[in-house]
Amino acid sequence: MLKKIMSLILPILLFFPGTLLAAQSQPQPKRIAILPVYDESGQLTEDSRQKLQERIRQELHVPLNGTLQAVEYVPDEACAQALDTLMEQGKAQTGARMQNAMQPLADELSADVVVCVVITQYYAHYYMDWENERCIDSYAGLRIFGYDRCHNRSLDRRTTRWVNDTCSSAGTADDMLMQGLEELLQKVKLRATIYPLREAG
């Protein structure tokens, strides 16, 4: 009888330590914090801000992540709170604050990647020219900040866009903003920050 009991218990004892060890060695999802687009100009519309934010999300999207569980996105509320707290601290200019804050924010949010886009300057004025064609006079300054823990690198690039032309040729102010954002995303190689997708735990 005792031998029979032991024959049942022994496989269980051998199985669970292996299971626990396997669980401990499983790679942990990479944590990504996408801070809200910060409008320093005070002129950006909410619709434009949301378009920029969504484009940043797309750049850091991992297909089939629901199955792979390769990355974990820091909740929007936590990212917004972190940005609000940062902007309430001291009197340093936005650029200086952002430069110094990205790595500490990554630590605070337990994030492997942190990114924030700042609209430093922006205006958009539409008018009709002498041929009664709709025109646009617009200027935008964008700057991207971030920190990539895996490669231990800070992200900090800027660009400007200016246009004074017919809308049929130049597009809209949103088009110009998106063009500026695309340039920044390529300059800092933001998508590369999500690779490797998993780090050993």
C-alpha atoms as a PDB file:
ATOM      1  CA  MET A   1       0.000   0.000   0.000  1.00  0.00           C
ATOM      2  CA  LEU A   2       2.792   2.403   0.958  1.00  0.00           C
ATOM      3  CA  LYS A   3       4.612   1.659  -2.282  1.00  0.00           C
ATOM      4  CA  LYS A   4       1.449   2.397  -4.216  1.00  0.00           C
ATOM      5  CA  ILE A   5       1.016   5.774  -2.472  1.00  0.00           C
ATOM      6  CA  MET A   6       4.641   6.700  -3.058  1.00  0.00           C
ATOM      7  CA  SER A   7       4.328   5.759  -6.717  1.00  0.00           C
ATOM      8  CA  LEU A   8       1.514   8.296  -7.005  1.00  0.00           C
ATOM      9  CA  ILE A   9       3.191  11.098  -5.021  1.00  0.00           C
ATOM     10  CA  LEU A  10       6.667  10.861  -6.503  1.00  0.00           C
ATOM     11  CA  PRO A  11       5.725  11.993 -10.035  1.00  0.00           C
ATOM     12  CA  ILE A  12       3.883  14.974  -8.538  1.00  0.00           C
ATOM     13  CA  LEU A  13       6.913  15.997  -6.484  1.00  0.00           C
ATOM     14  CA  LEU A  14       9.123  15.712  -9.540  1.00  0.00           C
ATOM     15  CA  PHE A  15       6.681  17.609 -11.753  1.00  0.00           C
ATOM     16  CA  PHE A  16       6.026  20.738  -9.663  1.00  0.00           C
ATOM     17  CA  PRO A  17       9.648  21.890  -9.163  1.00  0.00           C
ATOM     18  CA  GLY A  18      10.134  21.647 -12.911  1.00  0.00           C
ATOM     19  CA  THR A  19       6.946  23.583 -13.536  1.00  0.00           C
ATOM     20  CA  LEU A  20       7.959  26.333 -11.116  1.00  0.00           C
ATOM     21  CA  LEU A  21      11.411  26.569 -12.639  1.00  0.00           C
ATOM     22  CA  ALA A  22       9.938  26.824 -16.121  1.00  0.00           C
ATOM     23  CA  ALA A  23       7.579  29.591 -14.992  1.00  0.00           C
ATOM     24  CA  GLN A  24      10.421  31.546 -13.400  1.00  0.00           C
ATOM     25  CA  SER A  25      12.477  31.363 -16.591  1.00  0.00           C
ATOM     26  CA  GLN A  26       9.662  32.579 -18.854  1.00  0.00           C
ATOM     27  CA  PRO A  27      10.531  35.870 -20.576  1.00  0.00           C
ATOM     28  CA  GLN A  28       8.668  38.897 -19.249  1.00  0.00           C
ATOM     29  CA  PRO A  29       6.665  41.152 -21.583  1.00  0.00           C
ATOM     30  CA  LYS A  30       8.387  44.382 -22.533  1.00  0.00           C
ATOM     31  CA  ARG A  31       6.578  47.360 -20.942  1.00  0.00           C
ATOM     32  CA  ILE A  32       5.889  50.361 -23.157  1.00  0.00           C
ATOM     33  CA  ALA A  33       4.752  53.774 -21.904  1.00  0.00           C
ATOM     34  CA  ILE A  34       3.268  56.136 -24.490  1.00  0.00           C
ATOM     35  CA  LEU A  35       2.814  59.526 -22.853  1.00  0.00           C
ATOM     36  CA  PRO A  36       0.106  61.870 -24.167  1.00  0.00           C
ATOM     37  CA  VAL A  37       1.092  64.284 -26.937  1.00  0.00           C
ATOM     38  CA  TYR A  38       1.969  67.511 -25.141  1.00  0.00           C
ATOM     39  CA  ASP A  39       0.871  70.748 -26.814  1.00  0.00           C
ATOM     40  CA  GLU A  40       3.224  73.502 -25.726  1.00  0.00           C
ATOM     41  CA  SER A  41       1.753  75.884 -28.310  1.00  0.00           C
ATOM     42  CA  GLY A  42      -1.756  75.785 -26.886  1.00  0.00           C
ATOM     43  CA  GLN A  43      -3.156  75.832 -30.433  1.00  0.00           C
ATOM     44  CA  LEU A  44      -3.511  72.140 -31.257  1.00  0.00           C
ATOM     45  CA  THR A  45      -7.058  70.833 -31.654  1.00  0.00           C
ATOM     46  CA  GLU A  46      -8.105  67.734 -29.751  1.00  0.00           C
ATOM     47  CA  ASP A  47      -8.806  65.966 -33.035  1.00  0.00           C
ATOM     48  CA  SER A  48      -5.270  66.672 -34.268  1.00  0.00           C
ATOM     49  CA  ARG A  49      -3.775  65.533 -30.964  1.00  0.00           C
ATOM     50  CA  GLN A  50      -5.675  62.255 -31.114  1.00  0.00           C
ATOM     51  CA  LYS A  51      -4.482  61.603 -34.674  1.00  0.00           C
ATOM     52  CA  LEU A  52      -0.871  62.089 -33.613  1.00  0.00           C
ATOM     53  CA  GLN A  53      -1.331  59.882 -30.551  1.00  0.00           C
ATOM     54  CA  GLU A  54      -2.876  57.099 -32.602  1.00  0.00           C
ATOM     55  CA  ARG A  55      -0.012  57.194 -35.104  1.00  0.00           C
ATOM     56  CA  ILE A  56       2.509  56.748 -32.270  1.00  0.00           C
ATOM     57  CA  ARG A  57       0.491  53.776 -30.995  1.00  0.00           C
ATOM     58  CA  GLN A  58       0.534  52.229 -34.455  1.00  0.00           C
ATOM     59  CA  GLU A  59       4.318  52.526 -34.596  1.00  0.00           C
ATOM     60  CA  LEU A  60       4.630  50.539 -31.360  1.00  0.00           C
ATOM     61  CA  HIS A  61       1.911  48.017 -32.160  1.00  0.00           C
ATOM     62  CA  VAL A  62       2.842  44.337 -32.046  1.00  0.00           C
ATOM     63  CA  PRO A  63       0.676  42.096 -34.258  1.00  0.00           C
ATOM     64  CA  LEU A  64      -0.959  39.175 -32.437  1.00  0.00           C
ATOM     65  CA  ASN A  65       0.188  40.577 -29.113  1.00  0.00           C
ATOM     66  CA  GLY A  66      -2.985  39.242 -27.512  1.00  0.00           C
ATOM     67  CA  THR A  67      -1.618  35.770 -28.200  1.00  0.00           C
ATOM     68  CA  LEU A  68       2.102  36.412 -27.953  1.00  0.00           C
ATOM     69  CA  GLN A  69       1.917  38.613 -24.834  1.00  0.00           C
ATOM     70  CA  ALA A  70       5.244  40.054 -26.010  1.00  0.00           C
ATOM     71  CA  VAL A  71       4.603  43.602 -24.814  1.00  0.00           C
ATOM     72  CA  GLU A  72       2.537  45.217 -22.105  1.00  0.00           C
ATOM     73  CA  TYR A  73       1.349  48.802 -22.488  1.00  0.00           C
ATOM     74  CA  VAL A  74       1.402  51.001 -19.409  1.00  0.00           C
ATOM     75  CA  PRO A  75      -2.192  52.191 -18.808  1.00  0.00           C
ATOM     76  CA  ASP A  76      -3.077  55.569 -20.324  1.00  0.00           C
ATOM     77  CA  GLU A  77      -4.111  56.937 -16.946  1.00  0.00           C
ATOM     78  CA  ALA A  78      -0.702  56.220 -15.431  1.00  0.00           C
ATOM     79  CA  CYS A  79       1.061  57.792 -18.425  1.00  0.00           C
ATOM     80  CA  ALA A  80      -1.115  60.911 -18.266  1.00  0.00           C
ATOM     81  CA  GLN A  81      -0.561  61.258 -14.521  1.00  0.00           C
ATOM     82  CA  ALA A  82       3.193  60.909 -14.950  1.00  0.00           C
ATOM     83  CA  LEU A  83       3.222  63.654 -17.604  1.00  0.00           C
ATOM     84  CA  ASP A  84       1.027  65.967 -15.502  1.00  0.00           C
ATOM     85  CA  THR A  85       3.323  65.528 -12.502  1.00  0.00           C
ATOM     86  CA  LEU A  86       6.384  66.189 -14.642  1.00  0.00           C
ATOM     87  CA  MET A  87       5.003  69.396 -16.118  1.00  0.00           C
ATOM     88  CA  GLU A  88       4.048  70.698 -12.664  1.00  0.00           C
ATOM     89  CA  GLN A  89       7.613  70.406 -11.379  1.00  0.00           C
ATOM     90  CA  GLY A  90       9.883  73.438 -11.352  1.00  0.00           C
ATOM     91  CA  LYS A  91      10.236  76.229 -13.894  1.00  0.00           C
ATOM     92  CA  ALA A  92      12.623  74.621 -16.358  1.00  0.00           C
ATOM     93  CA  GLN A  93      11.670  74.827 -20.010  1.00  0.00           C
ATOM     94  CA  THR A  94       9.741  71.893 -21.429  1.00  0.00           C
ATOM     95  CA  GLY A  95      12.687  70.625 -23.484  1.00  0.00           C
ATOM     96  CA  ALA A  96      15.058  70.576 -20.528  1.00  0.00           C
ATOM     97  CA  ARG A  97      12.492  68.861 -18.327  1.00  0.00           C
ATOM     98  CA  MET A  98      11.777  66.196 -20.910  1.00  0.00           C
ATOM     99  CA  GLN A  99      15.452  65.517 -21.574  1.00  0.00           C
ATOM    100  CA  ASN A 100      16.178  64.888 -17.911  1.00  0.00           C
ATOM    101  CA  ALA A 101      12.962  63.036 -17.090  1.00  0.00           C
ATOM    102  CA  MET A 102      12.669  60.182 -19.577  1.00  0.00           C
ATOM    103  CA  GLN A 103      14.900  57.646 -17.825  1.00  0.00           C
ATOM    104  CA  PRO A 104      13.513  58.441 -14.327  1.00  0.00           C
ATOM    105  CA  LEU A 105      10.000  58.148 -15.769  1.00  0.00           C
ATOM    106  CA  ALA A 106      10.887  54.753 -17.189  1.00  0.00           C
ATOM    107  CA  ASP A 107      11.982  53.689 -13.712  1.00  0.00           C
ATOM    108  CA  GLU A 108       8.859  55.143 -12.106  1.00  0.00           C
ATOM    109  CA  LEU A 109       6.529  53.382 -14.578  1.00  0.00           C
ATOM    110  CA  SER A 110       8.616  50.176 -14.664  1.00  0.00           C
ATOM    111  CA  ALA A 111       8.795  50.686 -18.420  1.00  0.00           C
ATOM    112  CA  ASP A 112      11.345  49.458 -20.938  1.00  0.00           C
ATOM    113  CA  VAL A 113      10.351  52.128 -23.463  1.00  0.00           C
ATOM    114  CA  VAL A 114       9.008  55.629 -22.827  1.00  0.00           C
ATOM    115  CA  VAL A 115       8.039  58.061 -25.569  1.00  0.00           C
ATOM    116  CA  CYS A 116       6.472  61.517 -25.662  1.00  0.00           C
ATOM    117  CA  VAL A 117       5.885  63.896 -28.573  1.00  0.00           C
ATOM    118  CA  VAL A 118       5.781  67.636 -27.879  1.00  0.00           C
ATOM    119  CA  ILE A 119       4.245  70.239 -30.183  1.00  0.00           C
ATOM    120  CA  THR A 120       6.581  73.157 -29.536  1.00  0.00           C
ATOM    121  CA  GLN A 121       4.981  75.608 -31.989  1.00  0.00           C
ATOM    122  CA  TYR A 122       1.868  75.493 -34.098  1.00  0.00           C
ATOM    123  CA  TYR A 123      -0.537  77.686 -35.996  1.00  0.00           C
ATOM    124  CA  ALA A 124      -2.830  77.166 -38.963  1.00  0.00           C
ATOM    125  CA  HIS A 125      -4.595  79.911 -40.914  1.00  0.00           C
ATOM    126  CA  TYR A 126      -6.813  79.330 -43.936  1.00  0.00           C
ATOM    127  CA  TYR A 127      -7.662  82.041 -46.441  1.00  0.00           C
ATOM    128  CA  MET A 128      -8.896  82.536 -50.014  1.00  0.00           C
ATOM    129  CA  ASP A 129      -6.475  83.816 -52.644  1.00  0.00           C
ATOM    130  CA  TRP A 130      -7.213  86.208 -55.500  1.00  0.00           C
ATOM    131  CA  GLU A 131      -8.402  83.271 -57.641  1.00  0.00           C
ATOM    132  CA  ASN A 132     -10.821  82.308 -54.869  1.00  0.00           C
ATOM    133  CA  GLU A 133      -8.888  79.138 -54.099  1.00  0.00           C
ATOM    134  CA  ARG A 134      -8.572  78.001 -50.506  1.00  0.00           C
ATOM    135  CA  CYS A 135      -5.026  78.391 -49.151  1.00  0.00           C
ATOM    136  CA  ILE A 136      -3.204  77.521 -45.970  1.00  0.00           C
ATOM    137  CA  ASP A 137      -0.529  79.329 -43.992  1.00  0.00           C
ATOM    138  CA  SER A 138       0.705  76.991 -41.281  1.00  0.00           C
ATOM    139  CA  TYR A 139       3.765  76.288 -39.156  1.00  0.00           C
ATOM    140  CA  ALA A 140       4.524  73.441 -36.773  1.00  0.00           C
ATOM    141  CA  GLY A 141       7.444  72.482 -34.577  1.00  0.00           C
ATOM    142  CA  LEU A 142       7.566  68.932 -33.213  1.00  0.00           C
ATOM    143  CA  ARG A 143      10.010  67.231 -30.877  1.00  0.00           C
ATOM    144  CA  ILE A 144      10.148  63.628 -29.729  1.00  0.00           C
ATOM    145  CA  PHE A 145      11.609  62.489 -26.415  1.00  0.00           C
ATOM    146  CA  GLY A 146      12.039  59.020 -25.022  1.00  0.00           C
ATOM    147  CA  TYR A 147      14.150  56.356 -23.415  1.00  0.00           C
ATOM    148  CA  ASP A 148      14.973  52.844 -24.633  1.00  0.00           C
ATOM    149  CA  ARG A 149      16.143  50.727 -21.703  1.00  0.00           C
ATOM    150  CA  CYS A 150      17.165  47.668 -23.722  1.00  0.00           C
ATOM    151  CA  HIS A 151      19.655  49.701 -25.772  1.00  0.00           C
ATOM    152  CA  ASN A 152      20.268  52.266 -23.003  1.00  0.00           C
ATOM    153  CA  ARG A 153      19.666  55.209 -25.299  1.00  0.00           C
ATOM    154  CA  SER A 154      17.789  58.462 -25.006  1.00  0.00           C
ATOM    155  CA  LEU A 155      15.558  59.693 -27.820  1.00  0.00           C
ATOM    156  CA  ASP A 156      15.559  63.377 -28.667  1.00  0.00           C
ATOM    157  CA  ARG A 157      14.977  64.760 -32.154  1.00  0.00           C
ATOM    158  CA  ARG A 158      13.088  67.732 -33.532  1.00  0.00           C
ATOM    159  CA  THR A 159      11.693  68.991 -36.807  1.00  0.00           C
ATOM    160  CA  THR A 160       9.736  71.926 -38.204  1.00  0.00           C
ATOM    161  CA  ARG A 161       7.234  72.298 -41.012  1.00  0.00           C
ATOM    162  CA  TRP A 162       6.026  75.467 -42.724  1.00  0.00           C
ATOM    163  CA  VAL A 163       3.709  75.906 -45.667  1.00  0.00           C
ATOM    164  CA  ASN A 164       1.986  78.807 -47.417  1.00  0.00           C
ATOM    165  CA  ASP A 165       0.251  77.435 -50.457  1.00  0.00           C
ATOM    166  CA  THR A 166      -3.050  76.280 -51.878  1.00  0.00           C
ATOM    167  CA  CYS A 167      -4.690  73.458 -49.961  1.00  0.00           C
ATOM    168  CA  SER A 168      -4.865  71.432 -53.163  1.00  0.00           C
ATOM    169  CA  SER A 169      -1.049  71.428 -53.262  1.00  0.00           C
ATOM    170  CA  ALA A 170      -0.092  71.513 -49.580  1.00  0.00           C
ATOM    171  CA  GLY A 171      -2.900  69.549 -47.968  1.00  0.00           C
ATOM    172  CA  THR A 172      -4.185  70.423 -44.499  1.00  0.00           C
ATOM    173  CA  ALA A 173      -2.508  71.458 -41.263  1.00  0.00           C
ATOM    174  CA  ASP A 174      -3.089  67.901 -40.011  1.00  0.00           C
ATOM    175  CA  ASP A 175      -1.251  66.563 -43.051  1.00  0.00           C
ATOM    176  CA  MET A 176       1.708  68.766 -42.199  1.00  0.00           C
ATOM    177  CA  LEU A 177       1.712  67.620 -38.576  1.00  0.00           C
ATOM    178  CA  MET A 178       1.610  63.978 -39.613  1.00  0.00           C
ATOM    179  CA  GLN A 179       4.486  64.504 -42.053  1.00  0.00           C
ATOM    180  CA  GLY A 180       6.547  65.998 -39.241  1.00  0.00           C
ATOM    181  CA  LEU A 181       5.694  63.103 -36.935  1.00  0.00           C
ATOM    182  CA  GLU A 182       6.631  60.548 -39.600  1.00  0.00           C
ATOM    183  CA  GLU A 183      10.028  62.204 -39.941  1.00  0.00           C
ATOM    184  CA  LEU A 184      10.641  62.018 -36.186  1.00  0.00           C
ATOM    185  CA  LEU A 185       9.540  58.386 -35.932  1.00  0.00           C
ATOM    186  CA  GLN A 186      12.045  57.474 -38.618  1.00  0.00           C
ATOM    187  CA  LYS A 187      14.844  59.610 -37.163  1.00  0.00           C
ATOM    188  CA  VAL A 188      14.715  57.960 -33.737  1.00  0.00           C
ATOM    189  CA  LYS A 189      13.869  54.511 -35.147  1.00  0.00           C
ATOM    190  CA  LEU A 190      11.035  54.232 -32.654  1.00  0.00           C
ATOM    191  CA  ARG A 191       9.819  50.868 -33.889  1.00  0.00           C
ATOM    192  CA  ALA A 192      13.251  49.373 -33.220  1.00  0.00           C
ATOM    193  CA  THR A 193      12.781  50.064 -29.501  1.00  0.00           C
ATOM    194  CA  ILE A 194      10.298  47.201 -29.159  1.00  0.00           C
ATOM    195  CA  TYR A 195      12.899  44.652 -30.273  1.00  0.00           C
ATOM    196  CA  PRO A 196      13.865  42.191 -29.002  1.00  0.00           C
ATOM    197  CA  LEU A 197      10.219  41.626 -28.169  1.00  0.00           C
ATOM    198  CA  ARG A 198      10.957  39.734 -24.952  1.00  0.00           C
ATOM    199  CA  GLU A 199      13.699  39.862 -22.379  1.00  0.00           C
ATOM    200  CA  ALA A 200      14.570  36.909 -20.154  1.00  0.00           C
ATOM    201  CA  GLY A 201      13.066  37.256 -16.703  1.00  0.00           C
END
